[in-house]
């Protein structure tokens, strides 16, 4: 059985991997401050998160918090998790755009 050869050899493959990693890093850097806002509990809780997966702001309707504190805090937890998940998904979309949809474990 003959060994498969790539065009350009291992050096070319390493150059392409480095290029792809740069593209991923550029996409992450350029979009990490972009924000998304997710609302829950009938818009009584709003969470703004960055695509860099940081919570930027939490807003809770004071009447909602006063009426049932434990339920309100559970709602905040749920909305924070949803916002961070959506931020991660949005960042993944931006990385896929930058790399042309190529997925390499450990890089994309």
N, C-alpha and C. Protein backbone atom coordinates (compact mmCIF):
# COMPACT_ATOMS: atom_id res chain seq x y z
N UNK A 1 0.84 -1.17 0.00
CA UNK A 1 0.00 0.00 0.00
C UNK A 1 0.89 1.24 0.00
N UNK A 2 0.64 2.16 -0.90
CA UNK A 2 1.45 3.37 -1.02
C UNK A 2 0.97 4.43 -0.03
N UNK A 3 1.91 5.18 0.51
CA UNK A 3 1.57 6.26 1.44
C UNK A 3 0.96 7.42 0.66
N UNK A 4 -0.04 8.03 1.26
CA UNK A 4 -0.69 9.18 0.63
C UNK A 4 0.22 10.40 0.79
N UNK A 5 0.39 11.17 -0.25
CA UNK A 5 1.22 12.37 -0.23
C UNK A 5 0.31 13.60 -0.30
N UNK A 6 0.64 14.62 0.49
CA UNK A 6 -0.10 15.85 0.30
C UNK A 6 0.69 16.75 -0.61
N UNK A 7 -0.04 17.59 -1.29
CA UNK A 7 0.61 18.56 -2.15
C UNK A 7 1.31 19.56 -1.24
N UNK A 8 2.62 19.71 -1.40
CA UNK A 8 3.38 20.67 -0.61
C UNK A 8 3.99 20.07 0.64
N UNK A 9 3.60 18.88 1.00
CA UNK A 9 4.19 18.21 2.14
C UNK A 9 3.75 18.77 3.48
N UNK A 10 4.43 18.31 4.51
CA UNK A 10 4.07 18.68 5.88
C UNK A 10 4.29 20.16 6.16
N UNK A 11 5.28 20.76 5.53
CA UNK A 11 5.53 22.20 5.74
C UNK A 11 4.34 23.03 5.27
N UNK A 12 3.79 22.67 4.13
CA UNK A 12 2.63 23.39 3.61
C UNK A 12 1.42 23.19 4.52
N UNK A 13 1.25 21.98 5.02
CA UNK A 13 0.16 21.70 5.93
C UNK A 13 0.29 22.53 7.21
N UNK A 14 1.49 22.66 7.73
CA UNK A 14 1.73 23.45 8.94
C UNK A 14 1.47 24.94 8.68
N UNK A 15 1.84 25.42 7.50
CA UNK A 15 1.57 26.82 7.14
C UNK A 15 0.07 27.08 7.09
N UNK A 16 -0.66 26.14 6.50
CA UNK A 16 -2.12 26.30 6.40
C UNK A 16 -2.77 26.26 7.78
N UNK A 17 -2.29 25.38 8.65
CA UNK A 17 -2.83 25.31 10.01
C UNK A 17 -2.54 26.61 10.76
N UNK A 18 -1.36 27.17 10.60
CA UNK A 18 -1.01 28.43 11.25
C UNK A 18 -1.88 29.56 10.71
N UNK A 19 -2.12 29.57 9.40
CA UNK A 19 -2.98 30.58 8.79
C UNK A 19 -4.39 30.48 9.35
N UNK A 20 -4.89 29.24 9.45
CA UNK A 20 -6.23 29.02 9.97
C UNK A 20 -6.32 29.48 11.43
N UNK A 21 -5.32 29.19 12.21
CA UNK A 21 -5.32 29.61 13.61
C UNK A 21 -5.31 31.13 13.72
N UNK A 22 -4.56 31.81 12.86
CA UNK A 22 -4.55 33.29 12.85
C UNK A 22 -5.95 33.83 12.52
N UNK A 23 -6.60 33.21 11.54
CA UNK A 23 -7.95 33.64 11.16
C UNK A 23 -8.92 33.49 12.33
N UNK A 24 -8.81 32.38 13.06
CA UNK A 24 -9.67 32.15 14.23
C UNK A 24 -9.40 33.21 15.29
N UNK A 25 -8.12 33.47 15.57
CA UNK A 25 -7.77 34.46 16.58
C UNK A 25 -8.23 35.85 16.19
N UNK A 26 -8.12 36.19 14.89
CA UNK A 26 -8.58 37.50 14.42
C UNK A 26 -10.09 37.62 14.59
N UNK A 27 -10.82 36.57 14.25
CA UNK A 27 -12.28 36.60 14.40
C UNK A 27 -12.66 36.74 15.87
N UNK A 28 -12.00 36.00 16.74
CA UNK A 28 -12.30 36.09 18.17
C UNK A 28 -12.02 37.49 18.70
N UNK A 29 -10.88 38.05 18.30
CA UNK A 29 -10.50 39.38 18.78
C UNK A 29 -11.47 40.46 18.27
N UNK A 30 -11.83 40.38 17.01
CA UNK A 30 -12.67 41.42 16.44
C UNK A 30 -14.12 41.35 16.90
N UNK A 31 -14.57 40.19 17.39
CA UNK A 31 -15.97 40.06 17.78
C UNK A 31 -16.18 39.89 19.28
N UNK A 32 -15.11 39.79 20.07
CA UNK A 32 -15.29 39.46 21.49
C UNK A 32 -16.02 40.53 22.28
N UNK A 33 -16.01 41.78 21.84
CA UNK A 33 -16.70 42.85 22.56
C UNK A 33 -18.14 43.04 22.09
N UNK A 34 -18.51 42.39 20.97
CA UNK A 34 -19.88 42.50 20.48
C UNK A 34 -20.82 41.89 21.51
N UNK A 35 -21.99 42.50 21.69
CA UNK A 35 -22.90 42.02 22.72
C UNK A 35 -24.20 41.48 22.14
N UNK A 36 -24.82 40.61 22.92
CA UNK A 36 -26.16 40.11 22.63
C UNK A 36 -26.95 40.26 23.93
N UNK A 37 -28.25 40.46 23.79
CA UNK A 37 -29.11 40.58 24.96
C UNK A 37 -30.18 39.51 24.88
N UNK A 38 -30.36 38.79 25.98
CA UNK A 38 -31.36 37.74 26.07
C UNK A 38 -32.30 38.09 27.21
N UNK A 39 -33.60 37.93 26.97
CA UNK A 39 -34.61 38.23 27.98
C UNK A 39 -35.34 36.95 28.37
N UNK A 40 -35.84 36.93 29.59
CA UNK A 40 -36.62 35.80 30.06
C UNK A 40 -37.61 36.24 31.12
N UNK A 41 -38.41 35.29 31.59
CA UNK A 41 -39.43 35.57 32.62
C UNK A 41 -40.32 36.73 32.17
N UNK A 42 -40.83 36.61 30.95
CA UNK A 42 -41.69 37.66 30.38
C UNK A 42 -41.03 39.03 30.38
N UNK A 43 -39.77 39.06 29.97
CA UNK A 43 -38.97 40.29 29.88
C UNK A 43 -38.70 40.95 31.23
N UNK A 44 -38.85 40.23 32.31
CA UNK A 44 -38.57 40.79 33.62
C UNK A 44 -37.09 40.63 33.99
N UNK A 45 -36.38 39.78 33.24
CA UNK A 45 -34.94 39.60 33.42
C UNK A 45 -34.29 39.75 32.05
N UNK A 46 -33.26 40.58 31.98
CA UNK A 46 -32.51 40.77 30.74
C UNK A 46 -31.02 40.66 31.06
N UNK A 47 -30.33 39.90 30.23
CA UNK A 47 -28.89 39.72 30.42
C UNK A 47 -28.20 40.08 29.11
N UNK A 48 -27.18 40.90 29.22
CA UNK A 48 -26.34 41.26 28.08
C UNK A 48 -24.99 40.59 28.29
N UNK A 49 -24.56 39.85 27.27
CA UNK A 49 -23.28 39.15 27.33
C UNK A 49 -22.48 39.49 26.09
N UNK A 50 -21.16 39.40 26.21
CA UNK A 50 -20.30 39.63 25.06
C UNK A 50 -20.05 38.31 24.36
N UNK A 51 -19.65 38.38 23.09
CA UNK A 51 -19.28 37.17 22.39
C UNK A 51 -18.01 36.57 22.95
N UNK A 52 -17.31 37.34 23.77
CA UNK A 52 -16.16 36.83 24.50
C UNK A 52 -16.59 36.06 25.75
N UNK A 53 -17.88 35.82 25.88
CA UNK A 53 -18.48 35.00 26.94
C UNK A 53 -18.33 35.60 28.33
N UNK A 54 -18.56 36.91 28.40
CA UNK A 54 -18.59 37.60 29.68
C UNK A 54 -19.94 38.28 29.84
N UNK A 55 -20.46 38.26 31.04
CA UNK A 55 -21.72 38.94 31.32
C UNK A 55 -21.41 40.43 31.46
N UNK A 56 -22.09 41.25 30.66
CA UNK A 56 -21.85 42.69 30.67
C UNK A 56 -22.87 43.44 31.53
N UNK A 57 -24.10 42.90 31.59
CA UNK A 57 -25.14 43.61 32.33
C UNK A 57 -26.28 42.64 32.67
N UNK A 58 -26.86 42.80 33.83
CA UNK A 58 -28.04 42.05 34.24
C UNK A 58 -29.08 43.07 34.71
N UNK A 59 -30.27 42.98 34.16
CA UNK A 59 -31.38 43.85 34.57
C UNK A 59 -32.51 42.96 35.09
N UNK A 60 -33.02 43.30 36.26
CA UNK A 60 -34.14 42.56 36.85
C UNK A 60 -35.21 43.56 37.27
N UNK A 61 -36.43 43.30 36.85
CA UNK A 61 -37.55 44.15 37.26
C UNK A 61 -37.65 44.11 38.78
N UNK A 62 -37.57 45.26 39.45
CA UNK A 62 -37.58 45.28 40.92
C UNK A 62 -38.84 44.64 41.52
N UNK A 63 -39.99 44.82 40.87
CA UNK A 63 -41.23 44.21 41.38
C UNK A 63 -41.17 42.69 41.29
N UNK A 64 -40.58 42.20 40.23
CA UNK A 64 -40.42 40.75 40.04
C UNK A 64 -39.50 40.19 41.13
N UNK A 65 -38.43 40.89 41.40
CA UNK A 65 -37.48 40.45 42.43
C UNK A 65 -38.14 40.47 43.82
N UNK A 66 -38.93 41.49 44.08
CA UNK A 66 -39.58 41.61 45.38
C UNK A 66 -40.69 40.59 45.57
N UNK A 67 -41.37 40.21 44.49
CA UNK A 67 -42.53 39.32 44.62
C UNK A 67 -42.13 37.89 45.00
N UNK A 68 -41.07 37.37 44.40
CA UNK A 68 -40.62 36.00 44.71
C UNK A 68 -39.13 35.94 44.43
N UNK A 69 -38.37 36.28 45.43
CA UNK A 69 -36.91 36.41 45.28
C UNK A 69 -36.26 35.13 44.75
N UNK A 70 -36.60 33.97 45.30
CA UNK A 70 -35.98 32.72 44.85
C UNK A 70 -36.30 32.42 43.39
N UNK A 71 -37.56 32.63 42.99
CA UNK A 71 -37.93 32.40 41.60
C UNK A 71 -37.19 33.37 40.69
N UNK A 72 -37.08 34.63 41.13
CA UNK A 72 -36.39 35.64 40.32
C UNK A 72 -34.92 35.27 40.15
N UNK A 73 -34.29 34.80 41.22
CA UNK A 73 -32.88 34.42 41.12
C UNK A 73 -32.69 33.19 40.22
N UNK A 74 -33.63 32.26 40.29
CA UNK A 74 -33.57 31.11 39.37
C UNK A 74 -33.71 31.58 37.92
N UNK A 75 -34.60 32.55 37.71
CA UNK A 75 -34.78 33.10 36.36
C UNK A 75 -33.50 33.78 35.88
N UNK A 76 -32.84 34.53 36.77
CA UNK A 76 -31.58 35.18 36.41
C UNK A 76 -30.55 34.13 35.99
N UNK A 77 -30.44 33.07 36.77
CA UNK A 77 -29.49 32.00 36.44
C UNK A 77 -29.78 31.42 35.07
N UNK A 78 -31.03 31.14 34.80
CA UNK A 78 -31.41 30.58 33.50
C UNK A 78 -31.12 31.51 32.34
N UNK A 79 -31.42 32.79 32.53
CA UNK A 79 -31.20 33.76 31.45
C UNK A 79 -29.70 34.00 31.24
N UNK A 80 -28.92 34.01 32.31
CA UNK A 80 -27.46 34.15 32.16
C UNK A 80 -26.92 32.97 31.35
N UNK A 81 -27.33 31.76 31.70
CA UNK A 81 -26.87 30.58 30.97
C UNK A 81 -27.28 30.64 29.49
N UNK A 82 -28.51 31.07 29.24
CA UNK A 82 -28.99 31.19 27.86
C UNK A 82 -28.18 32.25 27.09
N UNK A 83 -27.88 33.36 27.75
CA UNK A 83 -27.12 34.43 27.09
C UNK A 83 -25.70 33.96 26.76
N UNK A 84 -25.06 33.26 27.70
CA UNK A 84 -23.70 32.77 27.45
C UNK A 84 -23.70 31.72 26.34
N UNK A 85 -24.72 30.88 26.31
CA UNK A 85 -24.82 29.87 25.25
C UNK A 85 -25.01 30.55 23.89
N UNK A 86 -25.90 31.54 23.84
CA UNK A 86 -26.13 32.24 22.57
C UNK A 86 -24.88 32.99 22.14
N UNK A 87 -24.16 33.58 23.08
CA UNK A 87 -22.91 34.29 22.75
C UNK A 87 -21.89 33.31 22.16
N UNK A 88 -21.78 32.12 22.74
CA UNK A 88 -20.86 31.11 22.23
C UNK A 88 -21.25 30.69 20.82
N UNK A 89 -22.55 30.50 20.59
CA UNK A 89 -23.03 30.11 19.26
C UNK A 89 -22.75 31.20 18.23
N UNK A 90 -22.96 32.45 18.61
CA UNK A 90 -22.69 33.57 17.70
C UNK A 90 -21.19 33.65 17.36
N UNK A 91 -20.34 33.46 18.37
CA UNK A 91 -18.90 33.48 18.12
C UNK A 91 -18.51 32.34 17.20
N UNK A 92 -19.08 31.16 17.42
CA UNK A 92 -18.80 30.02 16.54
C UNK A 92 -19.18 30.33 15.10
N UNK A 93 -20.31 31.02 14.90
CA UNK A 93 -20.73 31.41 13.55
C UNK A 93 -19.70 32.35 12.92
N UNK A 94 -19.21 33.31 13.70
CA UNK A 94 -18.22 34.26 13.18
C UNK A 94 -16.91 33.54 12.82
N UNK A 95 -16.52 32.58 13.63
CA UNK A 95 -15.30 31.81 13.34
C UNK A 95 -15.50 30.98 12.08
N UNK A 96 -16.67 30.38 11.92
CA UNK A 96 -16.94 29.60 10.72
C UNK A 96 -16.89 30.48 9.47
N UNK A 97 -17.42 31.70 9.58
CA UNK A 97 -17.33 32.64 8.45
C UNK A 97 -15.88 32.92 8.10
N UNK A 98 -15.06 33.16 9.12
CA UNK A 98 -13.66 33.52 8.91
C UNK A 98 -12.85 32.37 8.32
N UNK A 99 -13.22 31.14 8.66
CA UNK A 99 -12.44 29.98 8.20
C UNK A 99 -13.07 29.27 7.02
N UNK A 100 -14.17 29.82 6.51
CA UNK A 100 -14.83 29.19 5.39
C UNK A 100 -15.50 27.87 5.78
N UNK A 101 -15.83 27.73 7.05
CA UNK A 101 -16.51 26.53 7.53
C UNK A 101 -15.61 25.37 7.87
N UNK A 102 -14.30 25.55 7.70
CA UNK A 102 -13.36 24.48 8.02
C UNK A 102 -13.31 24.25 9.52
N UNK A 103 -13.34 22.99 9.92
CA UNK A 103 -13.27 22.66 11.35
C UNK A 103 -12.07 21.76 11.58
N UNK A 104 -11.17 22.24 12.43
CA UNK A 104 -10.01 21.43 12.81
C UNK A 104 -9.99 21.38 14.33
N UNK A 105 -10.03 20.18 14.90
CA UNK A 105 -10.04 20.07 16.36
C UNK A 105 -8.86 20.81 16.98
N UNK A 106 -9.17 21.54 18.05
CA UNK A 106 -8.13 22.29 18.75
C UNK A 106 -7.90 23.70 18.20
N UNK A 107 -8.44 23.96 17.01
CA UNK A 107 -8.28 25.30 16.41
C UNK A 107 -9.63 25.96 16.23
N UNK A 108 -10.60 25.22 15.69
CA UNK A 108 -11.93 25.79 15.47
C UNK A 108 -12.94 25.08 16.30
